[in-house]
Amino acid sequence: MSTTQSENNSATPNLLRLVSILVLLVAFLYLVYKVWDIFGFWTILWTSFLVGFSTLVLSNLVSSRSEAGGAVIYNPQEWPRYLNVAVSLGIGGYLFSLLKKQGELSSYDYQFGLGYLLFWSLLPAVFSLFRLIRDRNDYIEVSETSVRYKDNDETGDFPVSDIAGVEVTAFGIKLTFTSGTECTIKTPQMNFNAKDTLMAANEIKGRIPAIDTPD
């Protein structure tokens, strides 16, 4: 294969990637323009701020930490998240009422507004409710001798003495064992917020026995 052919073959994926990025950017800008045009700039601004503020505050409103039988248990409370879903649905209902009152909208704009509310309000709220119900019994339990967790049907029970390291990642709490193997407790899909994840990780770290290192 000649050098020119090799360069052409390597340039093709880069060109496709660039085109894809441009298409997505144009689509996003068009979405923002249409949503602002249909609902109004300030309406979208304050409702988006309210949803974001509600998610941030309510998700961290109550600590999931409790103690029982000498063990520390992290089992996230669901009710603040139910309130957050209610706020999101309320905002969606408010925007829908505004959409219904705008009689001067074209059929296309009306359908576009309905699609926006469906994919950015209703479906995320339904998915959040599904996850809250599905993951309501998930937990991490840390005792003097073991670390246990339940993530739906996935469970784990590890002796503290087998744990060599604890690390918080984007996927959850990664445990590294003295054998060299690893296990990630997927806290993002267990209704854990960032604060609870950090607290649970620090709880596990505090139970790991000190490892003697040569001077």
Protein backbone atom coordinates (compact mmCIF):
# COMPACT_ATOMS: atom_id res chain seq x y z
CA MET A 1 0.00 0.00 0.00
CA SER A 2 1.40 3.41 -0.96
CA THR A 3 1.96 6.26 1.49
CA THR A 4 -0.81 8.29 -0.17
CA GLN A 5 -3.35 5.48 0.24
CA SER A 6 -2.37 5.05 3.87
CA GLU A 7 -2.84 8.76 4.55
CA ASN A 8 -6.23 8.74 2.79
CA ASN A 9 -7.40 5.74 4.83
CA SER A 10 -6.37 7.37 8.11
CA ALA A 11 -7.97 10.69 7.14
CA THR A 12 -11.39 9.15 6.38
CA PRO A 13 -12.33 8.30 10.02
CA ASN A 14 -11.20 11.76 11.14
CA LEU A 15 -13.33 13.41 8.47
CA LEU A 16 -16.36 11.32 9.44
CA ARG A 17 -15.81 12.19 13.09
CA LEU A 18 -15.62 15.89 12.25
CA VAL A 19 -18.78 15.74 10.15
CA SER A 20 -20.62 13.89 12.95
CA ILE A 21 -19.58 16.52 15.49
CA LEU A 22 -20.72 19.34 13.21
CA VAL A 23 -24.07 17.63 12.59
CA LEU A 24 -24.63 17.13 16.33
CA LEU A 25 -23.65 20.74 17.03
CA VAL A 26 -26.04 22.09 14.41
CA ALA A 27 -28.83 19.83 15.72
CA PHE A 28 -28.21 21.03 19.29
CA LEU A 29 -28.23 24.70 18.27
CA TYR A 30 -31.44 24.15 16.31
CA LEU A 31 -33.00 22.47 19.36
CA VAL A 32 -32.05 25.40 21.60
CA TYR A 33 -33.37 27.91 19.06
CA LYS A 34 -36.72 26.15 18.60
CA VAL A 35 -37.26 25.60 22.32
CA TRP A 36 -36.54 29.27 23.07
CA ASP A 37 -38.78 30.30 20.18
CA ILE A 38 -41.69 28.14 21.37
CA PHE A 39 -41.53 28.59 25.15
CA GLY A 40 -39.55 31.81 25.48
CA PHE A 41 -35.97 32.41 26.58
CA TRP A 42 -36.68 33.41 30.19
CA THR A 43 -39.16 30.59 30.71
CA ILE A 44 -36.64 27.97 29.65
CA LEU A 45 -33.93 29.69 31.67
CA TRP A 46 -35.75 29.76 35.02
CA THR A 47 -37.37 26.34 34.64
CA SER A 48 -34.00 24.77 33.75
CA PHE A 49 -32.40 26.49 36.74
CA LEU A 50 -35.17 25.25 39.04
CA VAL A 51 -34.85 21.65 37.83
CA GLY A 52 -31.06 21.75 38.20
CA PHE A 53 -31.26 23.33 41.67
CA SER A 54 -33.85 20.78 42.77
CA THR A 55 -31.70 17.90 41.55
CA LEU A 56 -28.60 19.22 43.30
CA VAL A 57 -30.27 20.06 46.63
CA LEU A 58 -32.74 17.20 47.00
CA SER A 59 -30.22 14.55 45.94
CA ASN A 60 -27.95 15.60 48.82
CA LEU A 61 -30.64 16.53 51.33
CA VAL A 62 -30.53 13.43 53.55
CA SER A 63 -27.57 11.28 54.51
CA SER A 64 -27.93 7.56 53.86
CA ARG A 65 -25.62 6.60 56.74
CA SER A 66 -26.94 4.56 59.65
CA GLU A 67 -25.53 2.13 62.20
CA ALA A 68 -26.84 -1.26 63.30
CA GLY A 69 -25.19 -4.14 65.12
CA GLY A 70 -21.76 -2.53 65.03
CA ALA A 71 -21.87 -2.06 61.25
CA VAL A 72 -22.27 1.12 59.21
CA ILE A 73 -24.93 0.86 56.51
CA TYR A 74 -25.37 3.16 53.51
CA ASN A 75 -28.88 2.79 52.10
CA PRO A 76 -29.93 5.95 50.19
CA GLN A 77 -33.24 7.53 51.12
CA GLU A 78 -35.63 7.58 48.18
CA TRP A 79 -38.12 10.25 49.24
CA PRO A 80 -35.93 13.28 48.33
CA ARG A 81 -35.54 11.82 44.86
CA TYR A 82 -39.29 11.29 44.60
CA LEU A 83 -39.69 14.99 45.41
CA ASN A 84 -37.19 15.82 42.69
CA VAL A 85 -39.16 13.74 40.18
CA ALA A 86 -42.34 15.56 41.28
CA VAL A 87 -40.64 18.93 40.69
CA SER A 88 -39.53 17.82 37.21
CA LEU A 89 -43.03 16.60 36.34
CA GLY A 90 -44.51 19.82 37.70
CA ILE A 91 -42.23 21.91 35.50
CA GLY A 92 -43.10 19.70 32.54
CA GLY A 93 -46.82 20.16 33.26
CA TYR A 94 -46.33 23.93 33.48
CA LEU A 95 -44.54 24.03 30.12
CA PHE A 96 -47.28 21.86 28.60
CA SER A 97 -49.93 24.31 29.81
CA LEU A 98 -47.99 27.14 28.18
CA LEU A 99 -47.80 25.16 24.97
CA LYS A 100 -51.56 24.55 24.97
CA LYS A 101 -52.26 28.28 25.42
CA GLN A 102 -50.19 29.35 22.42
CA GLY A 103 -52.83 29.13 19.74
CA GLU A 104 -50.69 30.95 17.17
CA LEU A 105 -48.15 28.12 16.97
CA SER A 106 -47.90 26.17 13.75
CA SER A 107 -48.63 22.44 13.80
CA TYR A 108 -44.90 21.75 13.39
CA ASP A 109 -43.93 23.94 16.35
CA TYR A 110 -46.65 22.38 18.51
CA GLN A 111 -45.46 18.85 17.70
CA PHE A 112 -41.86 19.94 18.27
CA GLY A 113 -42.80 21.31 21.70
CA LEU A 114 -44.59 18.08 22.59
CA GLY A 115 -41.55 16.06 21.51
CA TYR A 116 -39.29 18.24 23.65
CA LEU A 117 -41.48 17.73 26.73
CA LEU A 118 -41.69 13.99 26.04
CA PHE A 119 -37.95 13.37 25.69
CA TRP A 120 -36.65 15.99 28.16
CA SER A 121 -39.29 15.81 30.90
CA LEU A 122 -41.69 12.86 30.85
CA LEU A 123 -39.41 10.00 29.79
CA PRO A 124 -36.53 11.00 32.15
CA ALA A 125 -39.02 11.23 35.04
CA VAL A 126 -40.48 7.80 34.25
CA PHE A 127 -36.99 6.31 34.00
CA SER A 128 -36.02 7.91 37.32
CA LEU A 129 -39.10 6.44 39.00
CA PHE A 130 -38.28 3.03 37.56
CA ARG A 131 -34.73 3.22 38.94
CA LEU A 132 -35.91 4.42 42.34
CA ILE A 133 -38.28 1.49 42.68
CA ARG A 134 -35.80 -1.03 41.27
CA ASP A 135 -32.84 0.12 43.41
CA ARG A 136 -34.67 0.96 46.64
CA ASN A 137 -33.10 -1.93 48.60
CA ASP A 138 -29.50 -1.45 47.42
CA TYR A 139 -26.95 -0.84 50.15
CA ILE A 140 -23.32 -0.98 51.29
CA GLU A 141 -22.58 -2.39 54.73
CA VAL A 142 -19.19 -1.88 56.36
CA SER A 143 -18.23 -3.71 59.57
CA GLU A 144 -14.98 -4.34 61.36
CA THR A 145 -14.46 -7.57 59.46
CA SER A 146 -16.26 -7.30 56.11
CA VAL A 147 -17.69 -5.15 53.36
CA ARG A 148 -21.02 -6.25 51.94
CA TYR A 149 -23.16 -4.73 49.21
CA LYS A 150 -26.34 -5.37 47.24
CA ASP A 151 -26.92 -3.96 43.77
CA ASN A 152 -30.22 -5.48 42.60
CA ASP A 153 -29.37 -9.15 42.02
CA GLU A 154 -25.64 -8.55 42.34
CA THR A 155 -24.21 -9.03 45.81
CA GLY A 156 -20.75 -9.11 47.36
CA ASP A 157 -19.21 -9.98 50.71
CA PHE A 158 -15.49 -9.33 51.15
CA PRO A 159 -13.27 -9.68 54.22
CA VAL A 160 -11.71 -6.34 55.12
CA SER A 161 -8.34 -8.08 55.45
CA ASP A 162 -8.46 -8.93 51.72
CA ILE A 163 -8.84 -5.29 50.62
CA ALA A 164 -5.63 -3.52 49.69
CA GLY A 165 -7.02 -0.27 48.23
CA VAL A 166 -10.16 1.82 47.74
CA GLU A 167 -10.70 4.32 44.94
CA VAL A 168 -13.68 6.41 43.91
CA THR A 169 -14.16 6.47 40.13
CA ALA A 170 -16.86 7.63 37.74
CA PHE A 171 -18.30 4.09 37.90
CA GLY A 172 -18.43 3.80 41.70
CA ILE A 173 -16.15 2.49 44.42
CA LYS A 174 -13.31 0.33 43.10
CA LEU A 175 -11.91 -2.19 45.55
CA THR A 176 -8.46 -3.62 44.90
CA PHE A 177 -7.71 -6.87 46.72
CA THR A 178 -4.44 -8.26 48.00
CA SER A 179 -4.73 -10.97 45.35
CA GLY A 180 -4.50 -8.31 42.63
CA THR A 181 -8.15 -8.65 41.53
CA GLU A 182 -10.61 -5.76 41.49
CA CYS A 183 -14.32 -5.19 42.04
CA THR A 184 -16.33 -2.02 41.42
CA ILE A 185 -19.41 -1.32 43.51
CA LYS A 186 -21.51 0.60 40.98
CA THR A 187 -22.92 3.27 43.29
CA PRO A 188 -24.27 5.53 40.47
CA GLN A 189 -26.86 2.86 39.66
CA MET A 190 -27.65 2.24 43.36
CA ASN A 191 -29.22 5.70 44.00
CA PHE A 192 -26.04 6.88 45.77
CA ASN A 193 -25.16 10.55 45.42
CA ALA A 194 -21.56 11.80 45.33
CA LYS A 195 -21.51 12.58 49.06
CA ASP A 196 -22.71 9.11 50.07
CA THR A 197 -20.23 7.47 47.71
CA LEU A 198 -17.32 9.40 49.22
CA MET A 199 -18.48 8.68 52.76
CA ALA A 200 -18.82 4.95 52.06
CA ALA A 201 -15.39 4.83 50.40
CA ASN A 202 -13.80 6.60 53.37
CA GLU A 203 -15.60 4.23 55.73
CA ILE A 204 -14.05 1.26 53.93
CA LYS A 205 -10.63 2.89 53.89
CA GLY A 206 -10.83 3.40 57.64
CA ARG A 207 -11.33 -0.33 58.19
CA ILE A 208 -8.42 -1.49 56.03
CA PRO A 209 -5.58 -2.75 58.22
CA ALA A 210 -2.30 -0.84 57.95
CA ILE A 211 0.22 -2.49 55.65
CA ASP A 212 3.76 -2.51 56.95
CA THR A 213 6.26 -1.24 54.42
CA PRO A 214 10.03 -1.65 54.62
CA ASP A 215 12.05 1.41 55.65
